[in-house]
Amino acid sequence: MVGKYKVVTLCGSTKFKDEFLKIQKELTLKGCIVISVGFFEFSEKDEVMTKETKELLDDMHKRKIDMADTIFVINKDGYIGKSTESEIEYAKSQGKNIDYLEGRNKKCQQK
């Protein structure tokens, strides 16, 4: 929590850009501080993803999870890729709450 605001990190495949933006808006309007991805590499096909860049982004996203109270997994059509699965496992190991787009309610309650 930062003040009275829950901090939520969004996780999921960046091919779901529209869903990321929709959930970011919804959670923000419910009173959450939302941390998201830096860019949508699968949506921005002009970007070249090197192994080093992928490792950097994966590590940075885990640091974003460290800053959050909870993660919100954008699992459109039930899809969870390897990176997202790794983030979920990391969040669990850090005792973070986990919510999902599909299969659970969207939560963000101020305390």
PDB file of N, CA and C in Angstrom:
ATOM      1  N   MET A   1       0.847  -1.175   0.000  1.00  0.00           N
ATOM      2  CA  MET A   1       0.000   0.000   0.000  1.00  0.00           C
ATOM      3  C   MET A   1       0.894   1.240   0.000  1.00  0.00           C
ATOM      4  N   VAL A   2       0.449   2.207  -0.725  1.00  0.00           N
ATOM      5  CA  VAL A   2       1.078   3.518  -0.687  1.00  0.00           C
ATOM      6  C   VAL A   2      -0.012   4.466  -0.220  1.00  0.00           C
ATOM      7  N   GLY A   3       0.131   4.918   1.021  1.00  0.00           N
ATOM      8  CA  GLY A   3      -0.975   5.656   1.607  1.00  0.00           C
ATOM      9  C   GLY A   3      -2.164   4.731   1.724  1.00  0.00           C
ATOM     10  N   LYS A   4      -3.282   5.150   1.200  1.00  0.00           N
ATOM     11  CA  LYS A   4      -4.492   4.317   1.234  1.00  0.00           C
ATOM     12  C   LYS A   4      -4.695   3.517  -0.049  1.00  0.00           C
ATOM     13  N   TYR A   5      -3.713   3.558  -0.945  1.00  0.00           N
ATOM     14  CA  TYR A   5      -3.880   2.945  -2.258  1.00  0.00           C
ATOM     15  C   TYR A   5      -3.151   1.616  -2.387  1.00  0.00           C
ATOM     16  N   LYS A   6      -3.878   0.610  -2.859  1.00  0.00           N
ATOM     17  CA  LYS A   6      -3.276  -0.683  -3.166  1.00  0.00           C
ATOM     18  C   LYS A   6      -2.467  -0.533  -4.450  1.00  0.00           C
ATOM     19  N   VAL A   7      -1.306  -1.191  -4.488  1.00  0.00           N
ATOM     20  CA  VAL A   7      -0.454  -1.171  -5.677  1.00  0.00           C
ATOM     21  C   VAL A   7      -0.608  -2.513  -6.395  1.00  0.00           C
ATOM     22  N   VAL A   8      -0.913  -2.447  -7.688  1.00  0.00           N
ATOM     23  CA  VAL A   8      -1.162  -3.625  -8.500  1.00  0.00           C
ATOM     24  C   VAL A   8      -0.206  -3.630  -9.696  1.00  0.00           C
ATOM     25  N   THR A   9       0.490  -4.750  -9.905  1.00  0.00           N
ATOM     26  CA  THR A   9       1.306  -4.917 -11.102  1.00  0.00           C
ATOM     27  C   THR A   9       0.559  -5.823 -12.071  1.00  0.00           C
ATOM     28  N   LEU A  10       0.420  -5.349 -13.309  1.00  0.00           N
ATOM     29  CA  LEU A  10      -0.229  -6.143 -14.348  1.00  0.00           C
ATOM     30  C   LEU A  10       0.776  -7.112 -14.957  1.00  0.00           C
ATOM     31  N   CYS A  11       0.344  -8.347 -15.163  1.00  0.00           N
ATOM     32  CA  CYS A  11       1.172  -9.382 -15.782  1.00  0.00           C
ATOM     33  C   CYS A  11       0.363 -10.039 -16.891  1.00  0.00           C
ATOM     34  N   GLY A  12       1.054 -10.514 -17.905  1.00  0.00           N
ATOM     35  CA  GLY A  12       0.383 -11.209 -18.998  1.00  0.00           C
ATOM     36  C   GLY A  12       1.120 -10.974 -20.293  1.00  0.00           C
ATOM     37  N   SER A  13       0.667 -11.637 -21.322  1.00  0.00           N
ATOM     38  CA  SER A  13       1.277 -11.496 -22.634  1.00  0.00           C
ATOM     39  C   SER A  13       1.015 -10.102 -23.185  1.00  0.00           C
ATOM     40  N   THR A  14       2.079  -9.491 -23.715  1.00  0.00           N
ATOM     41  CA  THR A  14       1.920  -8.155 -24.271  1.00  0.00           C
ATOM     42  C   THR A  14       1.158  -8.154 -25.590  1.00  0.00           C
ATOM     43  N   LYS A  15       0.792  -9.326 -26.084  1.00  0.00           N
ATOM     44  CA  LYS A  15      -0.067  -9.346 -27.273  1.00  0.00           C
ATOM     45  C   LYS A  15      -1.487  -8.904 -26.919  1.00  0.00           C
ATOM     46  N   PHE A  16      -1.785  -8.811 -25.619  1.00  0.00           N
ATOM     47  CA  PHE A  16      -3.105  -8.385 -25.162  1.00  0.00           C
ATOM     48  C   PHE A  16      -3.098  -6.903 -24.768  1.00  0.00           C
ATOM     49  N   LYS A  17      -2.542  -6.066 -25.624  1.00  0.00           N
ATOM     50  CA  LYS A  17      -2.402  -4.637 -25.342  1.00  0.00           C
ATOM     51  C   LYS A  17      -3.740  -3.989 -24.970  1.00  0.00           C
ATOM     52  N   ASP A  18      -4.782  -4.259 -25.723  1.00  0.00           N
ATOM     53  CA  ASP A  18      -6.084  -3.641 -25.452  1.00  0.00           C
ATOM     54  C   ASP A  18      -6.585  -4.005 -24.055  1.00  0.00           C
ATOM     55  N   GLU A  19      -6.384  -5.256 -23.655  1.00  0.00           N
ATOM     56  CA  GLU A  19      -6.823  -5.695 -22.332  1.00  0.00           C
ATOM     57  C   GLU A  19      -5.988  -5.023 -21.236  1.00  0.00           C
ATOM     58  N   PHE A  20      -4.673  -4.892 -21.459  1.00  0.00           N
ATOM     59  CA  PHE A  20      -3.828  -4.191 -20.492  1.00  0.00           C
ATOM     60  C   PHE A  20      -4.353  -2.780 -20.260  1.00  0.00           C
ATOM     61  N   LEU A  21      -4.625  -2.059 -21.343  1.00  0.00           N
ATOM     62  CA  LEU A  21      -5.076  -0.673 -21.219  1.00  0.00           C
ATOM     63  C   LEU A  21      -6.445  -0.584 -20.546  1.00  0.00           C
ATOM     64  N   LYS A  22      -7.332  -1.518 -20.870  1.00  0.00           N
ATOM     65  CA  LYS A  22      -8.669  -1.530 -20.259  1.00  0.00           C
ATOM     66  C   LYS A  22      -8.581  -1.805 -18.759  1.00  0.00           C
ATOM     67  N   ILE A  23      -7.815  -2.824 -18.367  1.00  0.00           N
ATOM     68  CA  ILE A  23      -7.697  -3.179 -16.948  1.00  0.00           C
ATOM     69  C   ILE A  23      -6.967  -2.073 -16.185  1.00  0.00           C
ATOM     70  N   GLN A  24      -5.943  -1.488 -16.797  1.00  0.00           N
ATOM     71  CA  GLN A  24      -5.235  -0.383 -16.149  1.00  0.00           C
ATOM     72  C   GLN A  24      -6.208   0.741 -15.814  1.00  0.00           C
ATOM     73  N   LYS A  25      -7.064   1.092 -16.747  1.00  0.00           N
ATOM     74  CA  LYS A  25      -8.058   2.145 -16.524  1.00  0.00           C
ATOM     75  C   LYS A  25      -9.041   1.746 -15.427  1.00  0.00           C
ATOM     76  N   GLU A  26      -9.579   0.528 -15.526  1.00  0.00           N
ATOM     77  CA  GLU A  26     -10.569   0.074 -14.537  1.00  0.00           C
ATOM     78  C   GLU A  26     -10.000   0.097 -13.122  1.00  0.00           C
ATOM     79  N   LEU A  27      -8.801  -0.467 -12.952  1.00  0.00           N
ATOM     80  CA  LEU A  27      -8.214  -0.536 -11.609  1.00  0.00           C
ATOM     81  C   LEU A  27      -7.833   0.851 -11.094  1.00  0.00           C
ATOM     82  N   THR A  28      -7.359   1.714 -11.979  1.00  0.00           N
ATOM     83  CA  THR A  28      -7.035   3.080 -11.569  1.00  0.00           C
ATOM     84  C   THR A  28      -8.286   3.786 -11.064  1.00  0.00           C
ATOM     85  N   LEU A  29      -9.392   3.642 -11.775  1.00  0.00           N
ATOM     86  CA  LEU A  29     -10.642   4.291 -11.362  1.00  0.00           C
ATOM     87  C   LEU A  29     -11.226   3.677 -10.099  1.00  0.00           C
ATOM     88  N   LYS A  30     -10.790   2.466  -9.737  1.00  0.00           N
ATOM     89  CA  LYS A  30     -11.202   1.850  -8.472  1.00  0.00           C
ATOM     90  C   LYS A  30     -10.280   2.251  -7.327  1.00  0.00           C
ATOM     91  N   GLY A  31      -9.270   3.070  -7.612  1.00  0.00           N
ATOM     92  CA  GLY A  31      -8.406   3.571  -6.552  1.00  0.00           C
ATOM     93  C   GLY A  31      -7.111   2.815  -6.370  1.00  0.00           C
ATOM     94  N   CYS A  32      -6.649   2.117  -7.390  1.00  0.00           N
ATOM     95  CA  CYS A  32      -5.378   1.396  -7.317  1.00  0.00           C
ATOM     96  C   CYS A  32      -4.279   2.186  -8.022  1.00  0.00           C
ATOM     97  N   ILE A  33      -3.068   2.042  -7.532  1.00  0.00           N
ATOM     98  CA  ILE A  33      -1.893   2.481  -8.268  1.00  0.00           C
ATOM     99  C   ILE A  33      -1.491   1.289  -9.127  1.00  0.00           C
ATOM    100  N   VAL A  34      -1.446   1.479 -10.445  1.00  0.00           N
ATOM    101  CA  VAL A  34      -1.211   0.381 -11.366  1.00  0.00           C
ATOM    102  C   VAL A  34       0.175   0.503 -11.996  1.00  0.00           C
ATOM    103  N   ILE A  35       0.936  -0.586 -11.915  1.00  0.00           N
ATOM    104  CA  ILE A  35       2.235  -0.693 -12.568  1.00  0.00           C
ATOM    105  C   ILE A  35       2.060  -1.650 -13.738  1.00  0.00           C
ATOM    106  N   SER A  36       2.523  -1.237 -14.913  1.00  0.00           N
ATOM    107  CA  SER A  36       2.304  -2.058 -16.100  1.00  0.00           C
ATOM    108  C   SER A  36       3.620  -2.300 -16.825  1.00  0.00           C
ATOM    109  N   VAL A  37       3.522  -2.848 -18.006  1.00  0.00           N
ATOM    110  CA  VAL A  37       4.692  -3.109 -18.842  1.00  0.00           C
ATOM    111  C   VAL A  37       5.188  -1.800 -19.439  1.00  0.00           C
ATOM    112  N   GLY A  38       6.465  -1.782 -19.832  1.00  0.00           N
ATOM    113  CA  GLY A  38       7.045  -0.577 -20.413  1.00  0.00           C
ATOM    114  C   GLY A  38       6.645  -0.361 -21.856  1.00  0.00           C
ATOM    115  N   PHE A  39       6.431  -1.437 -22.585  1.00  0.00           N
ATOM    116  CA  PHE A  39       5.949  -1.377 -23.957  1.00  0.00           C
ATOM    117  C   PHE A  39       5.398  -2.741 -24.324  1.00  0.00           C
ATOM    118  N   PHE A  40       4.716  -2.783 -25.450  1.00  0.00           N
ATOM    119  CA  PHE A  40       4.029  -3.996 -25.889  1.00  0.00           C
ATOM    120  C   PHE A  40       4.772  -4.592 -27.066  1.00  0.00           C
ATOM    121  N   GLU A  41       5.809  -5.400 -26.776  1.00  0.00           N
ATOM    122  CA  GLU A  41       6.667  -5.891 -27.854  1.00  0.00           C
ATOM    123  C   GLU A  41       5.933  -6.741 -28.880  1.00  0.00           C
ATOM    124  N   PHE A  42       4.918  -7.493 -28.472  1.00  0.00           N
ATOM    125  CA  PHE A  42       4.201  -8.305 -29.444  1.00  0.00           C
ATOM    126  C   PHE A  42       3.229  -7.470 -30.264  1.00  0.00           C
ATOM    127  N   SER A  43       2.829  -6.321 -29.733  1.00  0.00           N
ATOM    128  CA  SER A  43       1.948  -5.423 -30.473  1.00  0.00           C
ATOM    129  C   SER A  43       2.747  -4.465 -31.344  1.00  0.00           C
ATOM    130  N   GLU A  44       3.962  -4.169 -30.936  1.00  0.00           N
ATOM    131  CA  GLU A  44       4.827  -3.243 -31.663  1.00  0.00           C
ATOM    132  C   GLU A  44       5.865  -4.060 -32.417  1.00  0.00           C
ATOM    133  N   LYS A  45       5.466  -4.590 -33.537  1.00  0.00           N
ATOM    134  CA  LYS A  45       6.260  -5.579 -34.264  1.00  0.00           C
ATOM    135  C   LYS A  45       7.575  -5.031 -34.826  1.00  0.00           C
ATOM    136  N   ASP A  46       7.752  -3.710 -34.794  1.00  0.00           N
ATOM    137  CA  ASP A  46       8.998  -3.145 -35.287  1.00  0.00           C
ATOM    138  C   ASP A  46      10.135  -3.283 -34.278  1.00  0.00           C
ATOM    139  N   GLU A  47       9.813  -3.663 -33.043  1.00  0.00           N
ATOM    140  CA  GLU A  47      10.827  -3.847 -32.012  1.00  0.00           C
ATOM    141  C   GLU A  47      11.531  -5.191 -32.208  1.00  0.00           C
ATOM    142  N   VAL A  48      12.827  -5.203 -32.020  1.00  0.00           N
ATOM    143  CA  VAL A  48      13.608  -6.430 -32.108  1.00  0.00           C
ATOM    144  C   VAL A  48      13.970  -6.855 -30.689  1.00  0.00           C
ATOM    145  N   MET A  49      13.560  -8.057 -30.317  1.00  0.00           N
ATOM    146  CA  MET A  49      13.787  -8.536 -28.963  1.00  0.00           C
ATOM    147  C   MET A  49      15.015  -9.441 -28.935  1.00  0.00           C
ATOM    148  N   THR A  50      16.087  -8.936 -28.361  1.00  0.00           N
ATOM    149  CA  THR A  50      17.278  -9.752 -28.191  1.00  0.00           C
ATOM    150  C   THR A  50      17.148 -10.545 -26.897  1.00  0.00           C
ATOM    151  N   LYS A  51      17.993 -11.540 -26.735  1.00  0.00           N
ATOM    152  CA  LYS A  51      18.003 -12.337 -25.513  1.00  0.00           C
ATOM    153  C   LYS A  51      18.300 -11.445 -24.312  1.00  0.00           C
ATOM    154  N   GLU A  52      19.249 -10.532 -24.466  1.00  0.00           N
ATOM    155  CA  GLU A  52      19.627  -9.639 -23.367  1.00  0.00           C
ATOM    156  C   GLU A  52      18.473  -8.717 -22.986  1.00  0.00           C
ATOM    157  N   THR A  53      17.773  -8.189 -23.995  1.00  0.00           N
ATOM    158  CA  THR A  53      16.638  -7.310 -23.718  1.00  0.00           C
ATOM    159  C   THR A  53      15.530  -8.084 -23.017  1.00  0.00           C
ATOM    160  N   LYS A  54      15.265  -9.295 -23.468  1.00  0.00           N
ATOM    161  CA  LYS A  54      14.229 -10.130 -22.841  1.00  0.00           C
ATOM    162  C   LYS A  54      14.570 -10.399 -21.376  1.00  0.00           C
ATOM    163  N   GLU A  55      15.831 -10.720 -21.087  1.00  0.00           N
ATOM    164  CA  GLU A  55      16.258 -10.964 -19.708  1.00  0.00           C
ATOM    165  C   GLU A  55      16.117  -9.692 -18.862  1.00  0.00           C
ATOM    166  N   LEU A  56      16.472  -8.545 -19.436  1.00  0.00           N
ATOM    167  CA  LEU A  56      16.336  -7.271 -18.731  1.00  0.00           C
ATOM    168  C   LEU A  56      14.878  -6.997 -18.392  1.00  0.00           C
ATOM    169  N   LEU A  57      14.000  -7.142 -19.380  1.00  0.00           N
ATOM    170  CA  LEU A  57      12.578  -6.875 -19.153  1.00  0.00           C
ATOM    171  C   LEU A  57      11.971  -7.841 -18.143  1.00  0.00           C
ATOM    172  N   ASP A  58      12.343  -9.119 -18.217  1.00  0.00           N
ATOM    173  CA  ASP A  58      11.832 -10.102 -17.253  1.00  0.00           C
ATOM    174  C   ASP A  58      12.258  -9.744 -15.838  1.00  0.00           C
ATOM    175  N   ASP A  59      13.532  -9.361 -15.661  1.00  0.00           N
ATOM    176  CA  ASP A  59      14.011  -8.991 -14.334  1.00  0.00           C
ATOM    177  C   ASP A  59      13.335  -7.711 -13.840  1.00  0.00           C
ATOM    178  N   MET A  60      13.197  -6.729 -14.718  1.00  0.00           N
ATOM    179  CA  MET A  60      12.528  -5.488 -14.329  1.00  0.00           C
ATOM    180  C   MET A  60      11.084  -5.751 -13.906  1.00  0.00           C
ATOM    181  N   HIS A  61      10.418  -6.673 -14.590  1.00  0.00           N
ATOM    182  CA  HIS A  61       9.022  -6.933 -14.239  1.00  0.00           C
ATOM    183  C   HIS A  61       8.928  -7.599 -12.866  1.00  0.00           C
ATOM    184  N   LYS A  62       9.896  -8.420 -12.529  1.00  0.00           N
ATOM    185  CA  LYS A  62       9.900  -9.009 -11.189  1.00  0.00           C
ATOM    186  C   LYS A  62      10.132  -7.927 -10.130  1.00  0.00           C
ATOM    187  N   ARG A  63      10.912  -6.903 -10.443  1.00  0.00           N
ATOM    188  CA  ARG A  63      11.091  -5.795  -9.497  1.00  0.00           C
ATOM    189  C   ARG A  63       9.777  -5.012  -9.355  1.00  0.00           C
ATOM    190  N   LYS A  64       9.008  -4.923 -10.436  1.00  0.00           N
ATOM    191  CA  LYS A  64       7.688  -4.284 -10.366  1.00  0.00           C
ATOM    192  C   LYS A  64       6.765  -5.102  -9.468  1.00  0.00           C
ATOM    193  N   ILE A  65       6.876  -6.420  -9.535  1.00  0.00           N
ATOM    194  CA  ILE A  65       6.103  -7.284  -8.642  1.00  0.00           C
ATOM    195  C   ILE A  65       6.521  -7.038  -7.200  1.00  0.00           C
ATOM    196  N   ASP A  66       7.820  -6.852  -6.962  1.00  0.00           N
ATOM    197  CA  ASP A  66       8.304  -6.554  -5.607  1.00  0.00           C
ATOM    198  C   ASP A  66       7.627  -5.307  -5.031  1.00  0.00           C
ATOM    199  N   MET A  67       7.350  -4.322  -5.867  1.00  0.00           N
ATOM    200  CA  MET A  67       6.754  -3.059  -5.416  1.00  0.00           C
ATOM    201  C   MET A  67       5.253  -3.163  -5.167  1.00  0.00           C
ATOM    202  N   ALA A  68       4.633  -4.233  -5.635  1.00  0.00           N
ATOM    203  CA  ALA A  68       3.173  -4.348  -5.605  1.00  0.00           C
ATOM    204  C   ALA A  68       2.663  -5.108  -4.393  1.00  0.00           C
ATOM    205  N   ASP A  69       1.411  -4.837  -4.062  1.00  0.00           N
ATOM    206  CA  ASP A  69       0.691  -5.623  -3.061  1.00  0.00           C
ATOM    207  C   ASP A  69       0.127  -6.883  -3.698  1.00  0.00           C
ATOM    208  N   THR A  70      -0.237  -6.764  -4.963  1.00  0.00           N
ATOM    209  CA  THR A  70      -0.887  -7.855  -5.674  1.00  0.00           C
ATOM    210  C   THR A  70      -0.505  -7.786  -7.152  1.00  0.00           C
ATOM    211  N   ILE A  71      -0.638  -8.914  -7.833  1.00  0.00           N
ATOM    212  CA  ILE A  71      -0.515  -8.876  -9.286  1.00  0.00           C
ATOM    213  C   ILE A  71      -1.879  -9.194  -9.879  1.00  0.00           C
ATOM    214  N   PHE A  72      -2.103  -8.664 -11.067  1.00  0.00           N
ATOM    215  CA  PHE A  72      -3.323  -8.940 -11.808  1.00  0.00           C
ATOM    216  C   PHE A  72      -2.896  -9.548 -13.125  1.00  0.00           C
ATOM    217  N   VAL A  73      -3.278 -10.810 -13.335  1.00  0.00           N
ATOM    218  CA  VAL A  73      -2.864 -11.561 -14.513  1.00  0.00           C
ATOM    219  C   VAL A  73      -3.904 -11.396 -15.614  1.00  0.00           C
ATOM    220  N   ILE A  74      -3.455 -10.899 -16.744  1.00  0.00           N
ATOM    221  CA  ILE A  74      -4.323 -10.757 -17.902  1.00  0.00           C
ATOM    222  C   ILE A  74      -4.186 -12.045 -18.713  1.00  0.00           C
ATOM    223  N   ASN A  75      -5.109 -12.944 -18.457  1.00  0.00           N
ATOM    224  CA  ASN A  75      -5.081 -14.287 -19.064  1.00  0.00           C
ATOM    225  C   ASN A  75      -6.244 -14.456 -20.035  1.00  0.00           C
ATOM    226  N   LYS A  76      -6.274 -13.602 -21.041  1.00  0.00           N
ATOM    227  CA  LYS A  76      -7.350 -13.630 -22.031  1.00  0.00           C
ATOM    228  C   LYS A  76      -7.434 -15.024 -22.660  1.00  0.00           C
ATOM    229  N   ASP A  77      -8.659 -15.513 -22.759  1.00  0.00           N
ATOM    230  CA  ASP A  77      -8.927 -16.853 -23.306  1.00  0.00           C
ATOM    231  C   ASP A  77      -8.143 -17.930 -22.562  1.00  0.00           C
ATOM    232  N   GLY A  78      -7.792 -17.663 -21.307  1.00  0.00           N
ATOM    233  CA  GLY A  78      -7.069 -18.631 -20.486  1.00  0.00           C
ATOM    234  C   GLY A  78      -5.585 -18.708 -20.770  1.00  0.00           C
ATOM    235  N   TYR A  79      -5.076 -17.859 -21.663  1.00  0.00           N
ATOM    236  CA  TYR A  79      -3.668 -17.950 -22.070  1.00  0.00           C
ATOM    237  C   TYR A  79      -2.726 -17.397 -21.003  1.00  0.00           C
ATOM    238  N   ILE A  80      -1.755 -18.230 -20.618  1.00  0.00           N
ATOM    239  CA  ILE A  80      -0.662 -17.823 -19.733  1.00  0.00           C
ATOM    240  C   ILE A  80       0.612 -18.398 -20.335  1.00  0.00           C
ATOM    241  N   GLY A  81       1.490 -17.516 -20.806  1.00  0.00           N
ATOM    242  CA  GLY A  81       2.748 -17.946 -21.414  1.00  0.00           C
ATOM    243  C   GLY A  81       3.823 -18.225 -20.379  1.00  0.00           C
ATOM    244  N   LYS A  82       4.998 -18.610 -20.856  1.00  0.00           N
ATOM    245  CA  LYS A  82       6.114 -18.970 -19.965  1.00  0.00           C
ATOM    246  C   LYS A  82       6.541 -17.811 -19.073  1.00  0.00           C
ATOM    247  N   SER A  83       6.686 -16.623 -19.636  1.00  0.00           N
ATOM    248  CA  SER A  83       7.118 -15.469 -18.834  1.00  0.00           C
ATOM    249  C   SER A  83       6.089 -15.138 -17.764  1.00  0.00           C
ATOM    250  N   THR A  84       4.829 -15.163 -18.148  1.00  0.00           N
ATOM    251  CA  THR A  84       3.768 -14.862 -17.186  1.00  0.00           C
ATOM    252  C   THR A  84       3.713 -15.927 -16.099  1.00  0.00           C
ATOM    253  N   GLU A  85       3.861 -17.183 -16.467  1.00  0.00           N
ATOM    254  CA  GLU A  85       3.889 -18.262 -15.476  1.00  0.00           C
ATOM    255  C   GLU A  85       5.036 -18.051 -14.492  1.00  0.00           C
ATOM    256  N   SER A  86       6.184 -17.631 -15.006  1.00  0.00           N
ATOM    257  CA  SER A  86       7.333 -17.338 -14.157  1.00  0.00           C
ATOM    258  C   SER A  86       7.023 -16.187 -13.200  1.00  0.00           C
ATOM    259  N   GLU A  87       6.321 -15.177 -13.687  1.00  0.00           N
ATOM    260  CA  GLU A  87       5.941 -14.044 -12.835  1.00  0.00           C
ATOM    261  C   GLU A  87       4.950 -14.466 -11.760  1.00  0.00           C
ATOM    262  N   ILE A  88       4.010 -15.336 -12.116  1.00  0.00           N
ATOM    263  CA  ILE A  88       3.040 -15.836 -11.136  1.00  0.00           C
ATOM    264  C   ILE A  88       3.767 -16.623 -10.041  1.00  0.00           C
ATOM    265  N   GLU A  89       4.666 -17.498 -10.441  1.00  0.00           N
ATOM    266  CA  GLU A  89       5.418 -18.284  -9.460  1.00  0.00           C
ATOM    267  C   GLU A  89       6.267 -17.373  -8.570  1.00  0.00           C
ATOM    268  N   TYR A  90       6.877 -16.365  -9.158  1.00  0.00           N
ATOM    269  CA  TYR A  90       7.670 -15.419  -8.373  1.00  0.00           C
ATOM    270  C   TYR A  90       6.771 -14.681  -7.376  1.00  0.00           C
ATOM    271  N   ALA A  91       5.612 -14.207  -7.850  1.00  0.00           N
ATOM    272  CA  ALA A  91       4.686 -13.495  -6.965  1.00  0.00           C
ATOM    273  C   ALA A  91       4.246 -14.387  -5.800  1.00  0.00           C
ATOM    274  N   LYS A  92       3.957 -15.650  -6.099  1.00  0.00           N
ATOM    275  CA  LYS A  92       3.581 -16.595  -5.036  1.00  0.00           C
ATOM    276  C   LYS A  92       4.716 -16.733  -4.023  1.00  0.00           C
ATOM    277  N   SER A  93       5.951 -16.847  -4.514  1.00  0.00           N
ATOM    278  CA  SER A  93       7.092 -17.033  -3.608  1.00  0.00           C
ATOM    279  C   SER A  93       7.334 -15.814  -2.730  1.00  0.00           C
ATOM    280  N   GLN A  94       6.828 -14.666  -3.167  1.00  0.00           N
ATOM    281  CA  GLN A  94       6.980 -13.430  -2.406  1.00  0.00           C
ATOM    282  C   GLN A  94       5.744 -13.114  -1.556  1.00  0.00           C
ATOM    283  N   GLY A  95       4.777 -14.020  -1.562  1.00  0.00           N
ATOM    284  CA  GLY A  95       3.571 -13.853  -0.755  1.00  0.00           C
ATOM    285  C   GLY A  95       2.599 -12.817  -1.295  1.00  0.00           C
ATOM    286  N   LYS A  96       2.653 -12.552  -2.583  1.00  0.00           N
ATOM    287  CA  LYS A  96       1.757 -11.560  -3.192  1.00  0.00           C
ATOM    288  C   LYS A  96       0.394 -12.172  -3.472  1.00  0.00           C
ATOM    289  N   ASN A  97      -0.638 -11.353  -3.389  1.00  0.00           N
ATOM    290  CA  ASN A  97      -1.966 -11.772  -3.814  1.00  0.00           C
ATOM    291  C   ASN A  97      -1.982 -11.811  -5.337  1.00  0.00           C
ATOM    292  N   ILE A  98      -2.803 -12.704  -5.889  1.00  0.00           N
ATOM    293  CA  ILE A  98      -2.878 -12.855  -7.339  1.00  0.00           C
ATOM    294  C   ILE A  98      -4.337 -12.875  -7.759  1.00  0.00           C
ATOM    295  N   ASP A  99      -4.669 -11.990  -8.704  1.00  0.00           N
ATOM    296  CA  ASP A  99      -5.998 -11.965  -9.306  1.00  0.00           C
ATOM    297  C   ASP A  99      -5.849 -12.180 -10.803  1.00  0.00           C
ATOM    298  N   TYR A 100      -6.931 -12.646 -11.418  1.00  0.00           N
ATOM    299  CA  TYR A 100      -6.901 -13.001 -12.837  1.00  0.00           C
ATOM    300  C   TYR A 100      -8.035 -12.316 -13.579  1.00  0.00           C
ATOM    301  N   LEU A 101      -7.796 -11.992 -14.829  1.00  0.00           N
ATOM    302  CA  LEU A 101      -8.851 -11.452 -15.686  1.00  0.00           C
ATOM    303  C   LEU A 101      -9.964 -12.472 -15.831  1.00  0.00           C
ATOM    304  N   GLU A 102      -9.579 -13.716 -16.106  1.00  0.00           N
ATOM    305  CA  GLU A 102     -10.552 -14.787 -16.272  1.00  0.00           C
ATOM    306  C   GLU A 102     -10.381 -15.798 -15.150  1.00  0.00           C
ATOM    307  N   GLY A 103     -11.469 -16.151 -14.527  1.00  0.00           N
ATOM    308  CA  GLY A 103     -11.427 -17.159 -13.477  1.00  0.00           C
ATOM    309  C   GLY A 103     -11.511 -16.594 -12.072  1.00  0.00           C
ATOM    310  N   ARG A 104     -11.348 -15.294 -11.945  1.00  0.00           N
ATOM    311  CA  ARG A 104     -11.483 -14.641 -10.646  1.00  0.00           C
ATOM    312  C   ARG A 104     -12.041 -13.245 -10.857  1.00  0.00           C
ATOM    313  N   ASN A 105     -12.535 -12.649  -9.793  1.00  0.00           N
ATOM    314  CA  ASN A 105     -13.059 -11.294  -9.873  1.00  0.00           C
ATOM    315  C   ASN A 105     -11.932 -10.284  -9.925  1.00  0.00           C
ATOM    316  N   LYS A 106     -12.168  -9.180 -10.596  1.00  0.00           N
ATOM    317  CA  LYS A 106     -11.221  -8.073 -10.593  1.00  0.00           C
ATOM    318  C   LYS A 106     -11.356  -7.362  -9.254  1.00  0.00           C
ATOM    319  N   LYS A 107     -10.295  -7.345  -8.486  1.00  0.00           N
ATOM    320  CA  LYS A 107     -10.343  -6.765  -7.152  1.00  0.00           C
ATOM    321  C   LYS A 107      -9.426  -5.558  -7.052  1.00  0.00           C
ATOM    322  N   CYS A 108      -9.854  -4.606  -6.313  1.00  0.00           N
ATOM    323  CA  CYS A 108      -8.998  -3.508  -5.900  1.00  0.00           C
ATOM    324  C   CYS A 108      -9.792  -2.731  -4.875  1.00  0.00           C
ATOM    325  N   GLN A 109      -9.600  -3.060  -3.652  1.00  0.00           N
ATOM    326  CA  GLN A 109     -10.308  -2.404  -2.579  1.00  0.00           C
ATOM    327  C   GLN A 109      -9.327  -1.562  -1.778  1.00  0.00           C
ATOM    328  N   GLN A 110      -9.702  -0.322  -1.558  1.00  0.00           N
ATOM    329  CA  GLN A 110      -8.890   0.513  -0.672  1.00  0.00           C
ATOM    330  C   GLN A 110      -9.145   0.061   0.754  1.00  0.00           C
ATOM    331  N   LYS A 111      -8.107   0.101   1.575  1.00  0.00           N
ATOM    332  CA  LYS A 111      -8.281  -0.264   2.980  1.00  0.00           C
ATOM    333  C   LYS A 111      -8.525   0.962   3.805  1.00  0.00           C
TER     334      LYS A 111
END
